[in-house]
Amino acid sequence: MLEITDTISIPERELEFTQIRAAGPGGQHVNKVATAVQLRFDIGRSSLPDSCKKRLMAVNDRRITEGGIIIIKAQQFRSLEQNKIDAMQRLRMLVARALVSRKKRVPTKPSRASKAKRLDAKQHQSRRKTQRRKVTSFD
């Protein structure tokens, strides 16, 4: 059981683990042993609440496919078990981040002083540019 919050958890049967060979340096060990893990989690078929599913589908993350499957590849450690734990932790972080609701922005109006300050700055810049112009004589 993967606990996301106090009320939301994902049963292990909904997680699909596949052993794959890790990429990168490592010598003969990396060529012989499949220690990397690919975790697949289908959002649509999961037991998560519908609101959580909608938020997860709305997250803009390259690990989530258009079909609603989260694919996480863990190959940081040399041990298969450690990579499984790492993949599950990253899934937990992804789901937990999707559950956090953003605070609604309250629109505000600029104050009278800030408007005056902005207009004074514009006038100052205008005068400065006017003074840079070429002086012409009107004889």
Protein backbone atom coordinates (compact mmCIF):
# COMPACT_ATOMS: atom_id res chain seq x y z
CA MET A 1 0.00 0.00 0.00
CA LEU A 2 1.44 3.34 -1.10
CA GLU A 3 0.18 6.08 1.26
CA ILE A 4 -0.25 9.46 -0.43
CA THR A 5 -2.15 11.29 2.32
CA ASP A 6 -4.06 10.19 5.42
CA THR A 7 -7.14 9.44 3.31
CA ILE A 8 -5.69 8.56 -0.11
CA SER A 9 -3.56 5.51 -0.83
CA ILE A 10 -2.72 3.33 -3.83
CA PRO A 11 -2.87 -0.48 -3.48
CA GLU A 12 0.24 -2.34 -4.69
CA ARG A 13 -1.85 -4.35 -7.16
CA GLU A 14 -2.42 -1.16 -9.21
CA LEU A 15 1.34 -0.66 -9.65
CA GLU A 16 3.06 -2.56 -12.43
CA PHE A 17 6.82 -3.03 -12.11
CA THR A 18 9.07 -4.12 -14.97
CA GLN A 19 12.76 -4.90 -14.60
CA ILE A 20 14.94 -3.32 -17.25
CA ARG A 21 18.65 -2.90 -17.77
CA ALA A 22 20.04 0.37 -16.52
CA ALA A 23 21.70 2.75 -18.96
CA GLY A 24 24.97 4.53 -18.45
CA PRO A 25 28.32 3.57 -16.94
CA GLY A 26 28.74 0.57 -14.68
CA GLY A 27 30.96 -1.93 -16.46
CA GLN A 28 30.03 -5.59 -16.71
CA HIS A 29 27.55 -5.42 -13.86
CA VAL A 30 25.21 -3.09 -15.76
CA ASN A 31 25.39 -5.32 -18.85
CA LYS A 32 24.46 -8.51 -16.98
CA VAL A 33 21.89 -7.49 -14.38
CA ALA A 34 18.49 -5.83 -14.83
CA THR A 35 18.43 -3.58 -11.76
CA ALA A 36 16.52 -0.62 -13.15
CA VAL A 37 12.76 -0.49 -12.63
CA GLN A 38 9.97 0.89 -14.78
CA LEU A 39 6.81 1.64 -12.82
CA ARG A 40 3.53 1.94 -14.71
CA PHE A 41 0.39 3.33 -13.08
CA ASP A 42 -2.91 3.64 -14.95
CA ILE A 43 -4.76 6.71 -13.67
CA GLY A 44 -8.10 5.76 -15.26
CA ARG A 45 -8.28 2.29 -13.70
CA SER A 46 -6.96 3.34 -10.31
CA SER A 47 -8.93 3.51 -7.08
CA LEU A 48 -8.13 7.21 -6.64
CA PRO A 49 -11.05 9.64 -6.22
CA ASP A 50 -12.36 11.20 -9.44
CA SER A 51 -11.22 14.68 -8.43
CA CYS A 52 -7.69 13.36 -7.94
CA LYS A 53 -7.77 11.60 -11.31
CA LYS A 54 -8.84 14.81 -13.07
CA ARG A 55 -6.06 16.81 -11.41
CA LEU A 56 -3.47 14.17 -12.30
CA MET A 57 -4.57 14.17 -15.95
CA ALA A 58 -4.31 17.98 -16.00
CA VAL A 59 -0.70 17.96 -14.75
CA ASN A 60 1.76 18.89 -17.48
CA ASP A 61 4.44 16.25 -16.94
CA ARG A 62 6.31 14.24 -19.55
CA ARG A 63 5.94 11.08 -17.43
CA ILE A 64 2.16 11.06 -17.99
CA THR A 65 1.05 9.72 -21.38
CA GLU A 66 -2.01 10.91 -23.30
CA GLY A 67 -3.73 7.65 -22.34
CA GLY A 68 -3.39 8.51 -18.66
CA ILE A 69 -0.55 6.15 -17.74
CA ILE A 70 2.26 7.35 -15.50
CA ILE A 71 5.62 5.83 -16.43
CA ILE A 72 8.50 6.29 -14.00
CA LYS A 73 11.96 4.85 -14.69
CA ALA A 74 14.21 4.43 -11.66
CA GLN A 75 17.85 3.48 -12.19
CA GLN A 76 19.73 5.54 -9.62
CA PHE A 77 20.75 2.63 -7.38
CA ARG A 78 22.53 -0.67 -8.04
CA SER A 79 19.85 -2.58 -6.14
CA LEU A 80 16.50 -3.56 -7.64
CA GLU A 81 14.71 -3.08 -4.30
CA GLN A 82 16.12 0.42 -3.80
CA ASN A 83 15.06 1.38 -7.32
CA LYS A 84 11.53 0.08 -6.63
CA ILE A 85 11.33 2.19 -3.48
CA ASP A 86 12.67 5.21 -5.37
CA ALA A 87 10.06 4.79 -8.14
CA MET A 88 7.25 4.52 -5.59
CA GLN A 89 8.49 7.64 -3.76
CA ARG A 90 8.53 9.60 -7.01
CA LEU A 91 4.99 8.44 -7.81
CA ARG A 92 3.91 9.52 -4.33
CA MET A 93 5.47 12.97 -4.86
CA LEU A 94 3.79 13.35 -8.27
CA VAL A 95 0.33 12.44 -6.95
CA ALA A 96 0.75 14.54 -3.80
CA ARG A 97 1.80 17.57 -5.87
CA ALA A 98 -1.30 17.15 -8.05
CA LEU A 99 -3.54 17.09 -4.96
CA VAL A 100 -2.39 20.48 -3.69
CA SER A 101 -4.93 23.08 -4.75
CA ARG A 102 -3.58 26.42 -5.81
CA LYS A 103 -4.71 29.48 -3.93
CA LYS A 104 -7.05 31.63 -6.01
CA ARG A 105 -5.58 34.99 -6.94
CA VAL A 106 -7.47 37.97 -5.63
CA PRO A 107 -7.27 40.78 -8.19
CA THR A 108 -6.23 44.13 -6.74
CA LYS A 109 -6.24 47.68 -8.05
CA PRO A 110 -3.13 49.85 -8.06
CA SER A 111 -3.13 52.51 -5.36
CA ARG A 112 -3.44 56.21 -6.14
CA ALA A 113 0.17 56.76 -5.02
CA SER A 114 1.51 54.02 -7.30
CA LYS A 115 -0.40 55.50 -10.27
CA ALA A 116 1.04 58.96 -9.53
CA LYS A 117 4.54 57.52 -9.17
CA ARG A 118 4.24 55.73 -12.53
CA LEU A 119 3.02 58.88 -14.29
CA ASP A 120 5.81 60.99 -12.71
CA ALA A 121 8.38 58.50 -13.95
CA LYS A 122 6.90 58.71 -17.46
CA GLN A 123 7.03 62.53 -17.37
CA HIS A 124 10.62 62.46 -16.16
CA GLN A 125 11.65 60.08 -18.95
CA SER A 126 9.83 62.23 -21.51
CA ARG A 127 11.61 65.41 -20.36
CA ARG A 128 14.96 63.63 -20.46
CA LYS A 129 14.41 62.50 -24.05
CA THR A 130 13.16 65.96 -25.07
CA GLN A 131 16.34 67.53 -23.73
CA ARG A 132 18.45 65.15 -25.83
CA ARG A 133 17.02 66.48 -29.09
CA LYS A 134 19.02 68.70 -31.39
CA VAL A 135 18.62 72.39 -30.68
CA THR A 136 17.40 74.34 -33.72
CA SER A 137 17.45 78.10 -34.03
CA PHE A 138 14.44 79.95 -35.33
CA ASP A 139 15.95 83.17 -36.76
